């Protein structure tokens, strides 16, 4: 069962994390991301995973030169 499925079944994020063997923060992220995907909304965590919201974005090293 998915994190969203468990949430809809009445489980809170702590219970979901214990069932799935993940952190509570990861359980919340999965619930939010799965709900957004289901509703065809922007993933609220995408910009945190990838700066600028772009998965192809590469961090650049900044130098003084």
N, C-alpha and C. Protein backbone atom coordinates (compact mmCIF):
# COMPACT_ATOMS: atom_id res chain seq x y z
N UNK A 1 0.85 -1.18 0.00
CA UNK A 1 0.00 0.00 0.00
C UNK A 1 0.89 1.24 0.00
N UNK A 2 0.43 2.29 -0.65
CA UNK A 2 1.20 3.52 -0.73
C UNK A 2 0.99 4.37 0.51
N UNK A 3 1.87 5.36 0.68
CA UNK A 3 1.74 6.29 1.80
C UNK A 3 0.40 7.01 1.72
N UNK A 4 0.00 7.42 0.52
CA UNK A 4 -1.28 8.10 0.37
C UNK A 4 -2.44 7.17 0.70
N UNK A 5 -2.35 5.93 0.29
CA UNK A 5 -3.39 4.95 0.61
C UNK A 5 -3.54 4.75 2.11
N UNK A 6 -2.42 4.67 2.79
CA UNK A 6 -2.45 4.53 4.25
C UNK A 6 -3.05 5.77 4.90
N UNK A 7 -2.67 6.95 4.38
CA UNK A 7 -3.20 8.21 4.92
C UNK A 7 -4.71 8.27 4.73
N UNK A 8 -5.17 7.87 3.57
CA UNK A 8 -6.62 7.87 3.31
C UNK A 8 -7.35 6.83 4.13
N UNK A 9 -6.63 5.82 4.59
CA UNK A 9 -7.22 4.80 5.46
C UNK A 9 -7.24 5.24 6.92
N UNK A 10 -6.79 6.47 7.18
CA UNK A 10 -6.87 7.02 8.52
C UNK A 10 -5.58 7.00 9.32
N UNK A 11 -4.49 6.56 8.71
CA UNK A 11 -3.21 6.54 9.41
C UNK A 11 -2.57 7.93 9.39
N UNK A 12 -1.87 8.27 10.46
CA UNK A 12 -1.13 9.53 10.46
C UNK A 12 0.29 9.27 9.96
N UNK A 13 1.06 10.33 9.78
CA UNK A 13 2.39 10.16 9.18
C UNK A 13 3.32 9.34 10.07
N UNK A 14 3.15 9.38 11.37
CA UNK A 14 3.99 8.56 12.25
C UNK A 14 3.69 7.07 12.03
N UNK A 15 2.41 6.73 11.97
CA UNK A 15 2.03 5.33 11.72
C UNK A 15 2.50 4.89 10.34
N UNK A 16 2.36 5.76 9.35
CA UNK A 16 2.79 5.44 7.99
C UNK A 16 4.29 5.17 7.97
N UNK A 17 5.05 6.01 8.66
CA UNK A 17 6.50 5.85 8.67
C UNK A 17 6.90 4.52 9.30
N UNK A 18 6.20 4.12 10.35
CA UNK A 18 6.50 2.85 11.01
C UNK A 18 6.13 1.66 10.11
N UNK A 19 5.02 1.75 9.43
CA UNK A 19 4.57 0.67 8.54
C UNK A 19 5.52 0.51 7.35
N UNK A 20 5.93 1.65 6.77
CA UNK A 20 6.78 1.61 5.58
C UNK A 20 8.27 1.55 5.90
N UNK A 21 8.62 1.73 7.16
CA UNK A 21 10.03 1.68 7.55
C UNK A 21 10.84 2.87 7.07
N UNK A 22 10.21 4.05 7.08
CA UNK A 22 10.87 5.28 6.65
C UNK A 22 10.71 6.33 7.74
N UNK A 23 11.36 7.47 7.59
CA UNK A 23 11.20 8.54 8.56
C UNK A 23 9.82 9.18 8.40
N UNK A 24 9.39 9.87 9.44
CA UNK A 24 8.10 10.55 9.36
C UNK A 24 8.14 11.65 8.31
N UNK A 25 9.28 12.33 8.20
CA UNK A 25 9.42 13.38 7.19
C UNK A 25 9.27 12.80 5.79
N UNK A 26 9.86 11.64 5.56
CA UNK A 26 9.75 10.99 4.25
C UNK A 26 8.31 10.53 4.00
N UNK A 27 7.63 10.09 5.05
CA UNK A 27 6.22 9.69 4.91
C UNK A 27 5.37 10.88 4.48
N UNK A 28 5.60 12.03 5.10
CA UNK A 28 4.86 13.24 4.73
C UNK A 28 5.17 13.64 3.30
N UNK A 29 6.44 13.55 2.92
CA UNK A 29 6.84 13.88 1.56
C UNK A 29 6.13 12.97 0.55
N UNK A 30 6.09 11.67 0.86
CA UNK A 30 5.43 10.73 -0.05
C UNK A 30 3.93 10.99 -0.14
N UNK A 31 3.28 11.24 0.98
CA UNK A 31 1.84 11.54 0.96
C UNK A 31 1.58 12.77 0.09
N UNK A 32 2.34 13.83 0.33
CA UNK A 32 2.15 15.09 -0.42
C UNK A 32 2.43 14.91 -1.90
N UNK A 33 3.54 14.26 -2.23
CA UNK A 33 3.90 14.07 -3.63
C UNK A 33 2.92 13.17 -4.36
N UNK A 34 2.48 12.09 -3.71
CA UNK A 34 1.52 11.18 -4.34
C UNK A 34 0.17 11.86 -4.54
N UNK A 35 -0.25 12.67 -3.57
CA UNK A 35 -1.51 13.39 -3.71
C UNK A 35 -1.43 14.39 -4.87
N UNK A 36 -0.31 15.10 -4.95
CA UNK A 36 -0.13 16.07 -6.03
C UNK A 36 -0.14 15.38 -7.39
N UNK A 37 0.52 14.24 -7.49
CA UNK A 37 0.54 13.50 -8.76
C UNK A 37 -0.86 13.05 -9.15
N UNK A 38 -1.61 12.57 -8.16
CA UNK A 38 -2.96 12.10 -8.42
C UNK A 38 -3.85 13.25 -8.93
N UNK A 39 -3.65 14.44 -8.37
CA UNK A 39 -4.45 15.60 -8.75
C UNK A 39 -3.84 16.40 -9.89
N UNK A 40 -2.72 15.89 -10.41
CA UNK A 40 -1.99 16.56 -11.50
C UNK A 40 -1.59 17.98 -11.12
N UNK A 41 -1.09 18.10 -9.90
CA UNK A 41 -0.60 19.37 -9.39
C UNK A 41 0.92 19.33 -9.32
N UNK A 42 1.52 20.49 -9.17
CA UNK A 42 2.97 20.59 -9.00
C UNK A 42 3.39 19.85 -7.74
N UNK A 43 4.46 19.09 -7.83
CA UNK A 43 5.02 18.39 -6.67
C UNK A 43 5.62 19.42 -5.72
N UNK A 44 5.09 19.54 -4.50
CA UNK A 44 5.59 20.56 -3.57
C UNK A 44 7.03 20.33 -3.13
N UNK A 45 7.55 19.15 -3.32
CA UNK A 45 8.92 18.85 -2.91
C UNK A 45 9.91 18.93 -4.06
N UNK A 46 9.44 19.10 -5.28
CA UNK A 46 10.33 19.12 -6.43
C UNK A 46 11.39 20.21 -6.32
N UNK A 47 11.01 21.40 -5.90
CA UNK A 47 11.98 22.49 -5.82
C UNK A 47 12.99 22.27 -4.70
N UNK A 48 12.66 21.41 -3.72
CA UNK A 48 13.61 21.10 -2.66
C UNK A 48 14.59 20.02 -3.11
N UNK A 49 14.14 19.11 -3.95
CA UNK A 49 15.01 18.05 -4.46
C UNK A 49 15.94 18.58 -5.53
N UNK A 50 15.43 19.49 -6.35
CA UNK A 50 16.20 20.01 -7.47
C UNK A 50 16.12 21.54 -7.44
N UNK A 51 17.23 22.21 -7.19
CA UNK A 51 17.22 23.68 -7.19
C UNK A 51 16.60 24.21 -8.48
N UNK A 52 15.72 25.15 -8.34
CA UNK A 52 15.04 25.71 -9.50
C UNK A 52 13.92 24.83 -10.02
N UNK A 53 13.68 23.69 -9.38
CA UNK A 53 12.62 22.80 -9.81
C UNK A 53 12.97 22.00 -11.05
N UNK A 54 14.22 22.09 -11.49
CA UNK A 54 14.65 21.42 -12.72
C UNK A 54 15.53 20.23 -12.38
N UNK A 55 15.08 19.01 -12.65
CA UNK A 55 15.89 17.84 -12.32
C UNK A 55 17.20 17.77 -13.10
N UNK A 56 17.32 18.55 -14.17
CA UNK A 56 18.56 18.56 -14.96
C UNK A 56 19.51 19.66 -14.52
N UNK A 57 19.09 20.44 -13.52
CA UNK A 57 19.91 21.52 -13.00
C UNK A 57 21.16 20.94 -12.35
N UNK A 58 22.30 21.53 -12.64
CA UNK A 58 23.54 21.06 -12.02
C UNK A 58 24.09 22.18 -11.15
N UNK A 59 24.46 21.83 -9.93
CA UNK A 59 25.06 22.82 -9.05
C UNK A 59 26.42 23.20 -9.61
N UNK A 60 26.68 24.48 -9.61
CA UNK A 60 27.94 24.96 -10.13
C UNK A 60 28.81 25.43 -8.98
N UNK A 61 30.06 25.13 -9.06
CA UNK A 61 31.01 25.59 -8.04
C UNK A 61 31.31 27.06 -8.32
N UNK A 62 31.26 27.85 -7.30
CA UNK A 62 31.56 29.27 -7.44
C UNK A 62 32.98 29.50 -6.95
N UNK A 63 33.73 30.28 -7.71
CA UNK A 63 35.10 30.56 -7.32
C UNK A 63 35.32 32.06 -7.30
N UNK A 64 36.39 32.47 -6.67
CA UNK A 64 36.73 33.89 -6.60
C UNK A 64 37.33 34.39 -7.89
N UNK A 65 37.77 33.49 -8.72
CA UNK A 65 38.45 33.90 -9.95
C UNK A 65 37.49 34.35 -11.02
